[in-house]
Structures are given as structure tokens and as C-alpha cells.
């Protein structure tokens, strides 16, 4: 039987933080309205040109680093 184990995990979070107050500038809403209905105070948005592929690559690189292995291994 082949033994499998998780030896490293990674994640990526976009740098841009958008608050409910920021959303108030762009649409007809309020911090209170959003928080009462969703509990959300902030969210992360990707920058123009950032892709799902790129985010996955960064998360993978972090997982490999934490596992102490090189990508070619």
C-alpha cells in the first residue's frame, strides 16, 4: 500500500484590503448594513493583472518551503 502524508501546507492572501467603509464610496450600502447581514468587516481583493494561477503558485511555493523540499523533488 502506498503511504501518503501532508508534509507542508501553504496559502496566499491578496494584499489589498477593502473595508465596508471603502464600499460605501462605490455603492449604496453601509458598514452597519453589511456587518448585520454577513458579519463581514473587510475582504481581500486581487490587484489588476493578478490571476488565480499566480495565487495558486504563491501558495504552492509556501507549502514547498514549509515542507523543506524543492519543486523538482
C-alpha atoms as a PDB file:
ATOM      1  CA  UNK A   1       0.000   0.000   0.000  1.00  0.00           C
ATOM      2  CA  UNK A   2       1.274   3.468  -0.874  1.00  0.00           C
ATOM      3  CA  UNK A   3       1.606   5.739   2.146  1.00  0.00           C
ATOM      4  CA  UNK A   4       0.570   9.356   1.684  1.00  0.00           C
ATOM      5  CA  UNK A   5       1.073  12.243   4.076  1.00  0.00           C
ATOM      6  CA  UNK A   6       0.770  16.009   4.027  1.00  0.00           C
ATOM      7  CA  UNK A   7       4.188  17.480   4.781  1.00  0.00           C
ATOM      8  CA  UNK A   8       3.518  21.132   4.042  1.00  0.00           C
ATOM      9  CA  UNK A   9       0.617  23.493   3.530  1.00  0.00           C
ATOM     10  CA  UNK A  10       0.539  26.944   2.023  1.00  0.00           C
ATOM     11  CA  UNK A  11      -1.837  29.784   1.402  1.00  0.00           C
ATOM     12  CA  UNK A  12      -1.916  33.138  -0.322  1.00  0.00           C
ATOM     13  CA  UNK A  13      -3.933  36.193   0.662  1.00  0.00           C
ATOM     14  CA  UNK A  14      -4.080  39.218  -1.666  1.00  0.00           C
ATOM     15  CA  UNK A  15      -2.504  42.339  -0.158  1.00  0.00           C
ATOM     16  CA  UNK A  16      -5.340  44.750  -0.941  1.00  0.00           C
ATOM     17  CA  UNK A  17      -7.768  45.084   1.977  1.00  0.00           C
ATOM     18  CA  UNK A  18     -11.183  46.562   1.143  1.00  0.00           C
ATOM     19  CA  UNK A  19     -13.303  47.636   4.103  1.00  0.00           C
ATOM     20  CA  UNK A  20     -17.035  48.139   4.311  1.00  0.00           C
ATOM     21  CA  UNK A  21     -16.303  51.864   4.566  1.00  0.00           C
ATOM     22  CA  UNK A  22     -14.477  51.623   1.219  1.00  0.00           C
ATOM     23  CA  UNK A  23     -17.560  50.005  -0.315  1.00  0.00           C
ATOM     24  CA  UNK A  24     -19.699  52.903   0.929  1.00  0.00           C
ATOM     25  CA  UNK A  25     -17.789  55.122  -1.521  1.00  0.00           C
ATOM     26  CA  UNK A  26     -18.656  52.907  -4.513  1.00  0.00           C
ATOM     27  CA  UNK A  27     -22.199  51.719  -3.822  1.00  0.00           C
ATOM     28  CA  UNK A  28     -25.308  52.461  -1.813  1.00  0.00           C
ATOM     29  CA  UNK A  29     -24.523  50.490   1.355  1.00  0.00           C
ATOM     30  CA  UNK A  30     -23.123  50.988   4.829  1.00  0.00           C
ATOM     31  CA  UNK A  31     -20.723  49.244   7.162  1.00  0.00           C
ATOM     32  CA  UNK A  32     -23.588  48.566   9.571  1.00  0.00           C
ATOM     33  CA  UNK A  33     -25.834  47.056   6.862  1.00  0.00           C
ATOM     34  CA  UNK A  34     -23.101  44.679   5.667  1.00  0.00           C
ATOM     35  CA  UNK A  35     -21.965  43.655   9.169  1.00  0.00           C
ATOM     36  CA  UNK A  36     -25.503  42.968  10.413  1.00  0.00           C
ATOM     37  CA  UNK A  37     -26.295  40.697   7.478  1.00  0.00           C
ATOM     38  CA  UNK A  38     -22.961  38.999   6.851  1.00  0.00           C
ATOM     39  CA  UNK A  39     -20.573  39.707   9.725  1.00  0.00           C
ATOM     40  CA  UNK A  40     -18.007  40.833   7.162  1.00  0.00           C
ATOM     41  CA  UNK A  41     -15.827  43.859   8.011  1.00  0.00           C
ATOM     42  CA  UNK A  42     -13.066  43.522   5.416  1.00  0.00           C
ATOM     43  CA  UNK A  43     -12.293  41.437   2.382  1.00  0.00           C
ATOM     44  CA  UNK A  44      -9.221  40.908   0.176  1.00  0.00           C
ATOM     45  CA  UNK A  45      -9.252  41.866  -3.482  1.00  0.00           C
ATOM     46  CA  UNK A  46      -6.691  40.921  -6.086  1.00  0.00           C
ATOM     47  CA  UNK A  47      -4.842  43.623  -7.983  1.00  0.00           C
ATOM     48  CA  UNK A  48      -5.323  44.116 -11.736  1.00  0.00           C
ATOM     49  CA  UNK A  49      -3.298  41.504 -13.575  1.00  0.00           C
ATOM     50  CA  UNK A  50      -3.203  39.111 -10.633  1.00  0.00           C
ATOM     51  CA  UNK A  51      -4.567  35.676 -11.553  1.00  0.00           C
ATOM     52  CA  UNK A  52      -5.846  32.558  -9.835  1.00  0.00           C
ATOM     53  CA  UNK A  53      -2.865  30.752 -11.345  1.00  0.00           C
ATOM     54  CA  UNK A  54      -0.449  33.229  -9.779  1.00  0.00           C
ATOM     55  CA  UNK A  55      -2.128  32.991  -6.393  1.00  0.00           C
ATOM     56  CA  UNK A  56      -2.004  29.199  -6.549  1.00  0.00           C
ATOM     57  CA  UNK A  57       1.675  29.318  -7.469  1.00  0.00           C
ATOM     58  CA  UNK A  58       2.473  31.523  -4.454  1.00  0.00           C
ATOM     59  CA  UNK A  59       0.556  29.176  -2.145  1.00  0.00           C
ATOM     60  CA  UNK A  60       2.363  26.174  -3.619  1.00  0.00           C
ATOM     61  CA  UNK A  61       5.751  27.822  -3.154  1.00  0.00           C
ATOM     62  CA  UNK A  62       4.924  28.494   0.500  1.00  0.00           C
ATOM     63  CA  UNK A  63       3.845  24.869   1.009  1.00  0.00           C
ATOM     64  CA  UNK A  64       7.074  23.572  -0.523  1.00  0.00           C
ATOM     65  CA  UNK A  65       9.144  25.936   1.613  1.00  0.00           C
ATOM     66  CA  UNK A  66       7.360  24.812   4.787  1.00  0.00           C
ATOM     67  CA  UNK A  67       7.884  21.179   3.799  1.00  0.00           C
ATOM     68  CA  UNK A  68      11.572  21.828   3.231  1.00  0.00           C
ATOM     69  CA  UNK A  69      11.630  20.483  -0.313  1.00  0.00           C
ATOM     70  CA  UNK A  70      12.456  21.850  -3.750  1.00  0.00           C
ATOM     71  CA  UNK A  71       9.892  21.967  -6.566  1.00  0.00           C
ATOM     72  CA  UNK A  72      11.829  19.424  -8.632  1.00  0.00           C
ATOM     73  CA  UNK A  73      11.907  16.762  -5.935  1.00  0.00           C
END
